[in-house]
C-alpha atoms as a PDB file:
ATOM      1  CA  MET A   1     -79.586 -68.660-235.014  1.00  0.00           C
ATOM      2  CA  ARG A   2     -81.165 -67.433-231.791  1.00  0.00           C
ATOM      3  CA  LYS A   3     -84.929 -67.395-231.270  1.00  0.00           C
ATOM      4  CA  SER A   4     -86.519 -64.050-230.553  1.00  0.00           C
ATOM      5  CA  ALA A   5     -87.977 -63.404-227.099  1.00  0.00           C
ATOM      6  CA  THR A   6     -91.467 -63.620-228.595  1.00  0.00           C
ATOM      7  CA  ALA A   7     -90.809 -67.040-230.125  1.00  0.00           C
ATOM      8  CA  ALA A   8     -89.173 -68.411-226.969  1.00  0.00           C
ATOM      9  CA  ARG A   9     -92.166 -67.787-224.710  1.00  0.00           C
ATOM     10  CA  GLN A  10     -94.459 -70.623-223.698  1.00  0.00           C
ATOM     11  CA  PHE A  11     -98.190 -70.084-223.361  1.00  0.00           C
ATOM     12  CA  VAL A  12    -100.886 -72.045-221.563  1.00  0.00           C
ATOM     13  CA  VAL A  13    -104.640 -71.782-221.259  1.00  0.00           C
ATOM     14  CA  CYS A  14    -106.256 -72.149-217.843  1.00  0.00           C
ATOM     15  CA  VAL A  15    -108.721 -75.041-217.702  1.00  0.00           C
ATOM     16  CA  LYS A  16    -109.182 -75.264-213.930  1.00  0.00           C
ATOM     17  CA  ASN A  17    -109.010 -72.701-211.115  1.00  0.00           C
ATOM     18  CA  GLU A  18    -110.439 -74.354-207.987  1.00  0.00           C
ATOM     19  CA  GLY A  19    -109.138 -72.475-204.969  1.00  0.00           C
ATOM     20  CA  TYR A  20    -107.653 -69.710-207.132  1.00  0.00           C
ATOM     21  CA  ALA A  21    -110.710 -68.038-208.691  1.00  0.00           C
ATOM     22  CA  ALA A  22    -109.415 -64.547-207.867  1.00  0.00           C
ATOM     23  CA  SER A  23    -106.002 -65.298-209.394  1.00  0.00           C
ATOM     24  CA  LEU A  24    -106.806 -67.420-212.458  1.00  0.00           C
ATOM     25  CA  GLU A  25    -109.510 -67.113-215.101  1.00  0.00           C
ATOM     26  CA  LYS A  26    -110.660 -70.229-216.926  1.00  0.00           C
ATOM     27  CA  ARG A  27    -110.106 -70.107-220.715  1.00  0.00           C
ATOM     28  CA  LYS A  28    -107.571 -67.280-220.402  1.00  0.00           C
ATOM     29  CA  ILE A  29    -104.096 -67.459-221.945  1.00  0.00           C
ATOM     30  CA  TYR A  30    -101.182 -67.082-219.526  1.00  0.00           C
ATOM     31  CA  VAL A  31     -97.465 -66.580-220.097  1.00  0.00           C
ATOM     32  CA  VAL A  32     -95.274 -69.246-218.498  1.00  0.00           C
ATOM     33  CA  LEU A  33     -91.987 -68.316-216.844  1.00  0.00           C
ATOM     34  CA  ALA A  34     -89.275 -70.968-216.806  1.00  0.00           C
ATOM     35  CA  ASP A  35     -88.826 -72.548-213.368  1.00  0.00           C
ATOM     36  CA  SER A  36     -87.092 -75.938-213.316  1.00  0.00           C
ATOM     37  CA  ALA A  37     -87.599 -76.341-209.554  1.00  0.00           C
ATOM     38  CA  ALA A  38     -91.356 -75.884-209.956  1.00  0.00           C
ATOM     39  CA  ALA A  39     -91.427 -78.470-212.743  1.00  0.00           C
ATOM     40  CA  THR A  40     -90.042 -81.115-210.392  1.00  0.00           C
ATOM     41  CA  HIS A  41     -93.140 -80.585-208.206  1.00  0.00           C
ATOM     42  CA  ASP A  42     -95.657 -80.663-211.116  1.00  0.00           C
ATOM     43  CA  GLN A  43     -96.160 -76.914-210.904  1.00  0.00           C
ATOM     44  CA  ILE A  44     -95.664 -74.069-213.362  1.00  0.00           C
ATOM     45  CA  ARG A  45     -94.974 -70.388-212.815  1.00  0.00           C
ATOM     46  CA  VAL A  46     -97.385 -68.042-214.582  1.00  0.00           C
ATOM     47  CA  ILE A  47     -98.101 -64.340-214.468  1.00  0.00           C
ATOM     48  CA  ASP A  48    -101.574 -64.305-212.936  1.00  0.00           C
ATOM     49  CA  GLU A  49    -104.339 -61.707-212.553  1.00  0.00           C
ATOM     50  CA  SER A  50    -102.328 -59.795-209.941  1.00  0.00           C
ATOM     51  CA  GLY A  51     -99.653 -59.141-212.563  1.00  0.00           C
ATOM     52  CA  GLU A  52     -97.139 -61.091-210.487  1.00  0.00           C
ATOM     53  CA  ASP A  53     -95.739 -64.550-211.116  1.00  0.00           C
ATOM     54  CA  TYR A  54     -96.827 -67.429-208.880  1.00  0.00           C
ATOM     55  CA  LEU A  55     -96.704 -71.206-208.862  1.00  0.00           C
ATOM     56  CA  TYR A  56     -99.807 -73.208-209.714  1.00  0.00           C
ATOM     57  CA  PRO A  57    -100.540 -76.891-210.301  1.00  0.00           C
ATOM     58  CA  LYS A  58     -99.521 -77.865-213.829  1.00  0.00           C
ATOM     59  CA  SER A  59    -102.829 -79.744-214.178  1.00  0.00           C
ATOM     60  CA  PHE A  60    -104.678 -76.391-214.162  1.00  0.00           C
ATOM     61  CA  PHE A  61    -103.268 -75.554-217.603  1.00  0.00           C
ATOM     62  CA  VAL A  62    -102.917 -76.900-221.123  1.00  0.00           C
ATOM     63  CA  SER A  63     -99.942 -75.842-223.215  1.00  0.00           C
ATOM     64  CA  ILE A  64    -100.876 -74.093-226.467  1.00  0.00           C
ATOM     65  CA  SER A  65     -99.121 -72.995-229.624  1.00  0.00           C
ATOM     66  CA  LEU A  66     -99.989 -69.584-231.041  1.00  0.00           C
ATOM     67  CA  PRO A  67     -99.321 -68.098-234.489  1.00  0.00           C
ATOM     68  CA  HIS A  68     -96.651 -65.372-234.402  1.00  0.00           C
ATOM     69  CA  PRO A  69     -99.077 -62.385-234.748  1.00  0.00           C
ATOM     70  CA  VAL A  70    -101.195 -63.733-231.866  1.00  0.00           C
ATOM     71  CA  ARG A  71     -98.088 -64.406-229.719  1.00  0.00           C
ATOM     72  CA  LYS A  72     -96.972 -60.821-230.288  1.00  0.00           C
ATOM     73  CA  ALA A  73    -100.427 -59.444-229.399  1.00  0.00           C
ATOM     74  CA  VAL A  74    -100.618 -61.514-226.193  1.00  0.00           C
ATOM     75  CA  LEU A  75     -97.157 -60.392-225.086  1.00  0.00           C
ATOM     76  CA  THR A  76     -97.962 -56.761-225.851  1.00  0.00           C
ATOM     77  CA  ALA A  77    -101.131 -56.973-223.754  1.00  0.00           C
ATOM     78  CA  ALA A  78     -99.358 -58.704-220.844  1.00  0.00           C
END
């Protein structure tokens, strides 16, 4: 059985934004886009405040698990 697009998404919360204050808000939830090349450099690709996806240090984020209704709400707002 295939996971739905909502279930397959990974989410992180920003815990650090030094040097990227205009692009990242601390304590905000961000959607992660898969990027295996970025992972090899300890970076992740997220959709930031500009609405575009960019690479950031993985250490700026903590991975989180959200209940389905919250996941759906976050994706709808994104």
